[in-house]
Amino acid sequence: MAKDPVCGMSVDEAKASNRSQYQGKTYYFCSPGCKRSFDKNPAQYAKKG
């Protein structure tokens, strides 16, 4: 399980349809809204992960 860097929710990487790449790492999201927030400012959220 991965942790959504925006909301902190656990996300199953195998089933996650919302994902983004940033600095060579894949981030997984529970919803399109969390993915959009991350994509607007990935540096802010990548620090949390």
N, C-alpha and C. Protein backbone atom coordinates (compact mmCIF):
# COMPACT_ATOMS: atom_id res chain seq x y z
N MET A 1 0.84 -1.19 0.00
CA MET A 1 0.00 0.00 0.00
C MET A 1 0.88 1.25 0.00
N ALA A 2 0.44 2.21 -0.76
CA ALA A 2 1.12 3.50 -0.80
C ALA A 2 0.28 4.51 -0.03
N LYS A 3 0.90 5.62 0.32
CA LYS A 3 0.19 6.68 1.04
C LYS A 3 -0.02 7.86 0.08
N ASP A 4 -1.27 8.28 -0.04
CA ASP A 4 -1.59 9.45 -0.84
C ASP A 4 -0.88 10.64 -0.18
N PRO A 5 0.02 11.32 -0.91
CA PRO A 5 0.79 12.41 -0.29
C PRO A 5 -0.05 13.66 -0.01
N VAL A 6 -1.24 13.74 -0.58
CA VAL A 6 -2.08 14.91 -0.37
C VAL A 6 -2.95 14.74 0.88
N CYS A 7 -3.67 13.61 0.98
CA CYS A 7 -4.61 13.45 2.09
C CYS A 7 -4.16 12.42 3.12
N GLY A 8 -3.15 11.61 2.78
CA GLY A 8 -2.64 10.63 3.73
C GLY A 8 -3.34 9.28 3.70
N MET A 9 -4.32 9.12 2.85
CA MET A 9 -5.07 7.87 2.76
C MET A 9 -4.20 6.76 2.15
N SER A 10 -4.43 5.53 2.57
CA SER A 10 -3.72 4.38 2.00
C SER A 10 -4.33 4.06 0.64
N VAL A 11 -3.45 3.78 -0.34
CA VAL A 11 -3.88 3.51 -1.70
C VAL A 11 -3.19 2.23 -2.19
N ASP A 12 -3.95 1.33 -2.78
CA ASP A 12 -3.40 0.09 -3.34
C ASP A 12 -2.78 0.43 -4.70
N GLU A 13 -1.47 0.31 -4.79
CA GLU A 13 -0.77 0.69 -6.03
C GLU A 13 -1.29 -0.09 -7.24
N ALA A 14 -1.65 -1.35 -7.05
CA ALA A 14 -2.10 -2.19 -8.16
C ALA A 14 -3.44 -1.73 -8.72
N LYS A 15 -4.26 -1.10 -7.89
CA LYS A 15 -5.60 -0.69 -8.32
C LYS A 15 -5.72 0.80 -8.56
N ALA A 16 -4.72 1.56 -8.19
CA ALA A 16 -4.81 3.03 -8.29
C ALA A 16 -4.80 3.48 -9.75
N SER A 17 -5.85 4.19 -10.14
CA SER A 17 -5.90 4.73 -11.50
C SER A 17 -5.36 6.16 -11.53
N ASN A 18 -5.22 6.76 -10.36
CA ASN A 18 -4.69 8.12 -10.27
C ASN A 18 -3.25 8.05 -9.78
N ARG A 19 -2.33 8.42 -10.66
CA ARG A 19 -0.91 8.40 -10.30
C ARG A 19 -0.16 9.46 -11.08
N SER A 20 0.95 9.90 -10.51
CA SER A 20 1.80 10.90 -11.15
C SER A 20 3.26 10.54 -10.91
N GLN A 21 4.11 10.97 -11.82
CA GLN A 21 5.54 10.80 -11.69
C GLN A 21 6.14 12.15 -11.30
N TYR A 22 7.07 12.13 -10.35
CA TYR A 22 7.77 13.35 -9.98
C TYR A 22 9.16 12.96 -9.51
N GLN A 23 10.17 13.54 -10.13
CA GLN A 23 11.58 13.29 -9.81
C GLN A 23 11.89 11.79 -9.73
N GLY A 24 11.38 11.05 -10.70
CA GLY A 24 11.69 9.62 -10.80
C GLY A 24 10.91 8.72 -9.86
N LYS A 25 9.97 9.27 -9.12
CA LYS A 25 9.17 8.47 -8.19
C LYS A 25 7.71 8.53 -8.60
N THR A 26 7.00 7.41 -8.43
CA THR A 26 5.57 7.37 -8.72
C THR A 26 4.79 7.63 -7.43
N TYR A 27 3.82 8.52 -7.52
CA TYR A 27 2.95 8.84 -6.40
C TYR A 27 1.53 8.38 -6.76
N TYR A 28 0.84 7.82 -5.77
CA TYR A 28 -0.49 7.26 -5.98
C TYR A 28 -1.51 8.06 -5.18
N PHE A 29 -2.72 8.21 -5.76
CA PHE A 29 -3.75 9.06 -5.17
C PHE A 29 -5.08 8.33 -5.05
N CYS A 30 -5.83 8.71 -4.02
CA CYS A 30 -7.13 8.08 -3.78
C CYS A 30 -8.20 8.62 -4.72
N SER A 31 -7.98 9.81 -5.28
CA SER A 31 -9.01 10.44 -6.12
C SER A 31 -8.37 11.37 -7.14
N PRO A 32 -9.13 11.70 -8.19
CA PRO A 32 -8.62 12.68 -9.16
C PRO A 32 -8.34 14.03 -8.53
N GLY A 33 -9.11 14.41 -7.52
CA GLY A 33 -8.90 15.70 -6.86
C GLY A 33 -7.55 15.79 -6.17
N CYS A 34 -7.16 14.71 -5.49
CA CYS A 34 -5.85 14.69 -4.84
C CYS A 34 -4.74 14.73 -5.89
N LYS A 35 -4.93 14.03 -7.00
CA LYS A 35 -3.92 14.04 -8.08
C LYS A 35 -3.78 15.46 -8.64
N ARG A 36 -4.89 16.15 -8.86
CA ARG A 36 -4.84 17.53 -9.38
C ARG A 36 -4.09 18.45 -8.42
N SER A 37 -4.36 18.31 -7.12
CA SER A 37 -3.67 19.14 -6.13
C SER A 37 -2.17 18.89 -6.18
N PHE A 38 -1.78 17.63 -6.27
CA PHE A 38 -0.37 17.26 -6.35
C PHE A 38 0.25 17.83 -7.62
N ASP A 39 -0.42 17.65 -8.76
CA ASP A 39 0.12 18.09 -10.04
C ASP A 39 0.31 19.61 -10.11
N LYS A 40 -0.48 20.37 -9.36
CA LYS A 40 -0.33 21.83 -9.34
C LYS A 40 0.93 22.26 -8.61
N ASN A 41 1.34 21.49 -7.58
CA ASN A 41 2.51 21.85 -6.78
C ASN A 41 3.15 20.60 -6.20
N PRO A 42 3.78 19.77 -7.05
CA PRO A 42 4.32 18.50 -6.57
C PRO A 42 5.41 18.64 -5.50
N ALA A 43 6.21 19.67 -5.56
CA ALA A 43 7.29 19.84 -4.58
C ALA A 43 6.74 19.96 -3.16
N GLN A 44 5.61 20.61 -3.03
CA GLN A 44 4.99 20.79 -1.71
C GLN A 44 4.60 19.44 -1.10
N TYR A 45 4.03 18.56 -1.91
CA TYR A 45 3.54 17.27 -1.41
C TYR A 45 4.61 16.19 -1.38
N ALA A 46 5.57 16.27 -2.28
CA ALA A 46 6.62 15.25 -2.33
C ALA A 46 7.43 15.24 -1.03
N LYS A 47 7.55 16.37 -0.37
CA LYS A 47 8.27 16.44 0.90
C LYS A 47 7.62 15.57 1.97
N LYS A 48 6.30 15.47 1.91
CA LYS A 48 5.55 14.69 2.90
C LYS A 48 5.76 13.20 2.73
N GLY A 49 5.90 12.78 1.46
CA GLY A 49 6.00 11.35 1.16
C GLY A 49 7.30 10.82 1.57
